[in-house]
C-alpha atoms as a PDB file:
ATOM      1  CA  MET A   1       0.000   0.000   0.000  1.00  0.00           C
ATOM      2  CA  THR A   2       1.184   3.514  -0.745  1.00  0.00           C
ATOM      3  CA  GLN A   3       0.147   6.699   0.980  1.00  0.00           C
ATOM      4  CA  THR A   4      -2.007   7.606  -2.007  1.00  0.00           C
ATOM      5  CA  ASP A   5      -4.193   4.492  -1.897  1.00  0.00           C
ATOM      6  CA  ARG A   6      -7.623   6.028  -1.635  1.00  0.00           C
ATOM      7  CA  CYS A   7     -10.966   6.087  -3.311  1.00  0.00           C
ATOM      8  CA  TYR A   8     -13.981   8.333  -3.163  1.00  0.00           C
ATOM      9  CA  THR A   9     -17.677   7.515  -3.114  1.00  0.00           C
ATOM     10  CA  ILE A  10     -20.670   9.473  -4.352  1.00  0.00           C
ATOM     11  CA  GLY A  11     -24.401   9.057  -4.687  1.00  0.00           C
ATOM     12  CA  TYR A  12     -26.254  10.786  -7.497  1.00  0.00           C
ATOM     13  CA  GLY A  13     -29.558  11.027  -5.616  1.00  0.00           C
ATOM     14  CA  GLY A  14     -30.936  14.552  -5.422  1.00  0.00           C
ATOM     15  CA  ARG A  15     -28.382  15.927  -7.874  1.00  0.00           C
ATOM     16  CA  THR A  16     -28.782  17.175 -11.392  1.00  0.00           C
ATOM     17  CA  PRO A  17     -26.455  15.632 -13.971  1.00  0.00           C
ATOM     18  CA  ASP A  18     -24.571  18.943 -14.190  1.00  0.00           C
ATOM     19  CA  GLU A  19     -24.118  19.138 -10.403  1.00  0.00           C
ATOM     20  CA  PHE A  20     -22.982  15.525 -10.325  1.00  0.00           C
ATOM     21  CA  ILE A  21     -20.360  15.964 -13.039  1.00  0.00           C
ATOM     22  CA  GLN A  22     -19.201  19.259 -11.543  1.00  0.00           C
ATOM     23  CA  MET A  23     -18.606  17.539  -8.174  1.00  0.00           C
ATOM     24  CA  LEU A  24     -16.528  14.889  -9.912  1.00  0.00           C
ATOM     25  CA  MET A  25     -14.507  17.491 -11.777  1.00  0.00           C
ATOM     26  CA  ASP A  26     -14.049  19.690  -8.682  1.00  0.00           C
ATOM     27  CA  ASN A  27     -12.505  16.698  -6.908  1.00  0.00           C
ATOM     28  CA  GLY A  28     -10.253  15.704  -9.801  1.00  0.00           C
ATOM     29  CA  ILE A  29     -12.016  12.395 -10.431  1.00  0.00           C
ATOM     30  CA  SER A  30     -10.871  10.675 -13.617  1.00  0.00           C
ATOM     31  CA  ASN A  31     -12.453   7.233 -13.134  1.00  0.00           C
ATOM     32  CA  LEU A  32     -15.963   6.292 -12.008  1.00  0.00           C
ATOM     33  CA  VAL A  33     -16.921   2.785 -10.948  1.00  0.00           C
ATOM     34  CA  ASP A  34     -20.662   2.191 -10.989  1.00  0.00           C
ATOM     35  CA  ILE A  35     -21.260  -0.164  -8.062  1.00  0.00           C
ATOM     36  CA  ARG A  36     -24.970  -0.684  -8.665  1.00  0.00           C
ATOM     37  CA  ARG A  37     -25.945  -4.236  -9.438  1.00  0.00           C
ATOM     38  CA  TYR A  38     -28.334  -2.912 -12.036  1.00  0.00           C
ATOM     39  CA  PRO A  39     -27.019   0.295 -13.643  1.00  0.00           C
ATOM     40  CA  HIS A  40     -30.480   1.755 -14.202  1.00  0.00           C
ATOM     41  CA  SER A  41     -32.188   4.811 -12.779  1.00  0.00           C
ATOM     42  CA  THR A  42     -35.548   6.533 -12.999  1.00  0.00           C
ATOM     43  CA  PHE A  43     -33.423   9.451 -14.215  1.00  0.00           C
ATOM     44  CA  GLU A  44     -32.176   8.465 -17.668  1.00  0.00           C
ATOM     45  CA  GLU A  45     -29.009  10.562 -17.332  1.00  0.00           C
ATOM     46  CA  PHE A  46     -27.814   8.228 -14.573  1.00  0.00           C
ATOM     47  CA  ASN A  47     -28.331   4.975 -16.460  1.00  0.00           C
ATOM     48  CA  GLY A  48     -25.087   3.136 -17.119  1.00  0.00           C
ATOM     49  CA  GLU A  49     -25.527   3.553 -20.848  1.00  0.00           C
ATOM     50  CA  SER A  50     -25.937   7.330 -20.530  1.00  0.00           C
ATOM     51  CA  LEU A  51     -22.966   7.620 -18.170  1.00  0.00           C
ATOM     52  CA  ARG A  52     -20.815   5.605 -20.608  1.00  0.00           C
ATOM     53  CA  ASP A  53     -21.519   8.329 -23.179  1.00  0.00           C
ATOM     54  CA  THR A  54     -21.465  11.429 -20.955  1.00  0.00           C
ATOM     55  CA  LEU A  55     -18.520  10.862 -18.634  1.00  0.00           C
ATOM     56  CA  PRO A  56     -15.786  10.492 -21.296  1.00  0.00           C
ATOM     57  CA  LYS A  57     -16.836  13.893 -22.683  1.00  0.00           C
ATOM     58  CA  ASN A  58     -15.671  15.182 -19.298  1.00  0.00           C
ATOM     59  CA  CYS A  59     -12.447  13.109 -19.279  1.00  0.00           C
ATOM     60  CA  ILE A  60     -13.878  10.548 -16.842  1.00  0.00           C
ATOM     61  CA  LEU A  61     -13.702   6.817 -17.585  1.00  0.00           C
ATOM     62  CA  TYR A  62     -16.708   4.628 -16.710  1.00  0.00           C
ATOM     63  CA  TYR A  63     -16.544   1.114 -15.251  1.00  0.00           C
ATOM     64  CA  HIS A  64     -19.339  -1.124 -13.993  1.00  0.00           C
ATOM     65  CA  CYS A  65     -18.717  -3.555 -11.134  1.00  0.00           C
ATOM     66  CA  GLU A  66     -22.062  -5.279 -10.580  1.00  0.00           C
ATOM     67  CA  GLY A  67     -20.619  -7.989  -8.351  1.00  0.00           C
ATOM     68  CA  VAL A  68     -20.255  -5.577  -5.415  1.00  0.00           C
ATOM     69  CA  GLY A  69     -23.683  -4.048  -5.994  1.00  0.00           C
ATOM     70  CA  GLY A  70     -26.603  -4.128  -3.603  1.00  0.00           C
ATOM     71  CA  MET A  71     -30.186  -5.258  -4.251  1.00  0.00           C
ATOM     72  CA  ARG A  72     -29.587  -8.895  -3.358  1.00  0.00           C
ATOM     73  CA  ASP A  73     -31.977 -11.640  -2.280  1.00  0.00           C
ATOM     74  CA  SER A  74     -30.189 -11.779   1.088  1.00  0.00           C
ATOM     75  CA  LYS A  75     -28.890  -8.989   3.295  1.00  0.00           C
ATOM     76  CA  TYR A  76     -25.861  -7.276   1.797  1.00  0.00           C
ATOM     77  CA  VAL A  77     -23.621  -8.264   4.718  1.00  0.00           C
ATOM     78  CA  GLU A  78     -24.568 -11.905   4.083  1.00  0.00           C
ATOM     79  CA  TYR A  79     -23.863 -11.503   0.371  1.00  0.00           C
ATOM     80  CA  MET A  80     -20.411 -10.138   1.266  1.00  0.00           C
ATOM     81  CA  GLU A  81     -19.546 -13.623   2.578  1.00  0.00           C
ATOM     82  CA  THR A  82     -20.016 -15.241  -0.858  1.00  0.00           C
ATOM     83  CA  ASP A  83     -17.393 -16.221  -3.411  1.00  0.00           C
ATOM     84  CA  GLU A  84     -19.161 -14.061  -6.018  1.00  0.00           C
ATOM     85  CA  PHE A  85     -18.719 -10.962  -3.861  1.00  0.00           C
ATOM     86  CA  MET A  86     -15.105 -11.762  -2.953  1.00  0.00           C
ATOM     87  CA  GLN A  87     -14.109 -12.265  -6.595  1.00  0.00           C
ATOM     88  CA  SER A  88     -15.683  -8.934  -7.566  1.00  0.00           C
ATOM     89  CA  PHE A  89     -14.251  -7.203  -4.506  1.00  0.00           C
ATOM     90  CA  THR A  90     -10.758  -8.436  -5.415  1.00  0.00           C
ATOM     91  CA  ARG A  91     -11.167  -7.076  -8.961  1.00  0.00           C
ATOM     92  CA  LEU A  92     -12.415  -3.743  -7.538  1.00  0.00           C
ATOM     93  CA  MET A  93      -9.435  -3.474  -5.175  1.00  0.00           C
ATOM     94  CA  THR A  94      -7.044  -4.226  -8.041  1.00  0.00           C
ATOM     95  CA  LEU A  95      -8.691  -1.519 -10.169  1.00  0.00           C
ATOM     96  CA  ILE A  96      -8.543   1.062  -7.356  1.00  0.00           C
ATOM     97  CA  LYS A  97      -4.843   0.353  -6.751  1.00  0.00           C
ATOM     98  CA  LYS A  98      -4.061   0.484 -10.477  1.00  0.00           C
ATOM     99  CA  ILE A  99      -5.793   3.852 -10.857  1.00  0.00           C
ATOM    100  CA  ASN A 100      -3.985   5.171  -7.765  1.00  0.00           C
ATOM    101  CA  SER A 101      -0.624   3.943  -9.098  1.00  0.00           C
ATOM    102  CA  GLU A 102      -1.248   5.979 -12.262  1.00  0.00           C
ATOM    103  CA  GLY A 103      -1.738   9.121 -10.146  1.00  0.00           C
ATOM    104  CA  GLN A 104      -5.450   9.279 -10.882  1.00  0.00           C
ATOM    105  CA  LYS A 105      -8.542   9.393  -8.680  1.00  0.00           C
ATOM    106  CA  VAL A 106     -11.425   6.932  -8.609  1.00  0.00           C
ATOM    107  CA  VAL A 107     -14.957   7.297  -7.265  1.00  0.00           C
ATOM    108  CA  LEU A 108     -17.461   4.537  -6.488  1.00  0.00           C
ATOM    109  CA  MET A 109     -20.969   5.584  -7.464  1.00  0.00           C
ATOM    110  CA  CYS A 110     -24.398   4.450  -6.355  1.00  0.00           C
ATOM    111  CA  ALA A 111     -27.803   6.092  -6.114  1.00  0.00           C
ATOM    112  CA  GLU A 112     -28.090   7.015  -2.427  1.00  0.00           C
ATOM    113  CA  LYS A 113     -26.737  10.451  -1.600  1.00  0.00           C
ATOM    114  CA  ASN A 114     -25.899   9.495   1.995  1.00  0.00           C
ATOM    115  CA  PRO A 115     -23.543   6.510   2.249  1.00  0.00           C
ATOM    116  CA  LYS A 116     -25.107   5.542   5.594  1.00  0.00           C
ATOM    117  CA  GLY A 117     -28.319   4.627   3.734  1.00  0.00           C
ATOM    118  CA  CYS A 118     -26.561   2.612   1.059  1.00  0.00           C
ATOM    119  CA  HIS A 119     -24.511  -0.546   0.617  1.00  0.00           C
ATOM    120  CA  ARG A 120     -21.534   1.829   0.193  1.00  0.00           C
ATOM    121  CA  HIS A 121     -21.457   1.917   4.001  1.00  0.00           C
ATOM    122  CA  TYR A 122     -20.556  -1.786   4.189  1.00  0.00           C
ATOM    123  CA  LEU A 123     -18.390  -1.765   1.087  1.00  0.00           C
ATOM    124  CA  SER A 124     -16.423   1.240   2.362  1.00  0.00           C
ATOM    125  CA  THR A 125     -15.738  -0.519   5.648  1.00  0.00           C
ATOM    126  CA  LYS A 126     -14.344  -3.536   3.799  1.00  0.00           C
ATOM    127  CA  ILE A 127     -12.237  -1.326   1.517  1.00  0.00           C
ATOM    128  CA  GLU A 128     -10.745   0.470   4.512  1.00  0.00           C
ATOM    129  CA  GLU A 129     -10.093  -2.867   6.240  1.00  0.00           C
ATOM    130  CA  ASN A 130      -7.970  -3.650   3.179  1.00  0.00           C
ATOM    131  CA  GLY A 131      -5.825  -0.520   3.494  1.00  0.00           C
ATOM    132  CA  ILE A 132      -7.494   1.987   1.193  1.00  0.00           C
ATOM    133  CA  GLU A 133      -8.721   5.308   2.561  1.00  0.00           C
ATOM    134  CA  VAL A 134     -12.324   6.114   1.645  1.00  0.00           C
ATOM    135  CA  ILE A 135     -13.571   9.683   1.244  1.00  0.00           C
ATOM    136  CA  HIS A 136     -17.260  10.355   0.662  1.00  0.00           C
ATOM    137  CA  LEU A 137     -18.262  13.225  -1.597  1.00  0.00           C
ATOM    138  CA  VAL A 138     -21.291  14.500   0.275  1.00  0.00           C
ATOM    139  CA  GLU A 139     -22.129  18.001  -0.902  1.00  0.00           C
ATOM    140  CA  SER A 140     -20.337  20.310  -3.285  1.00  0.00           C
ATOM    141  CA  GLY A 141     -17.131  21.426  -1.557  1.00  0.00           C
ATOM    142  CA  GLN A 142     -17.657  19.013   1.344  1.00  0.00           C
ATOM    143  CA  THR A 143     -16.087  15.603   1.875  1.00  0.00           C
ATOM    144  CA  SER A 144     -16.286  13.123   4.699  1.00  0.00           C
ATOM    145  CA  LEU A 145     -13.721  10.565   5.778  1.00  0.00           C
ATOM    146  CA  PHE A 146     -15.250   7.200   6.478  1.00  0.00           C
ATOM    147  CA  MET A 147     -15.615   7.051  10.247  1.00  0.00           C
ATOM    148  CA  TYR A 148     -18.600   5.165  11.598  1.00  0.00           C
END
């Protein structure tokens, strides 16, 4: 682990697409990992397909990592015990470290604005347990270190 091993998280809920992208740009984000199991939204601009088109226009790469997503048949913490989760989590950790090693920033995105009301809460804990600092992008100009 290096001192720069970190990732950010963000929820798009309650944000306009312009506000969302501006927050990413203000924080120097160059890579977004969509951690929703199903990359769909009632707001078309936040569908995975739309983000795949929009984000690169703002110099942000899009990735989808459904294997760490929520919306499971069991509780998320139970799902985290499965081989499927662990394989996806390992790939996510490798991606975060690769992006960090290239001097770039990565954000994990889901729908919920507040990480406490989202599976990002559990995922962030596991990421930090594995040596990567997690910073939540809460409001424009405001960040929160993961401390629960």
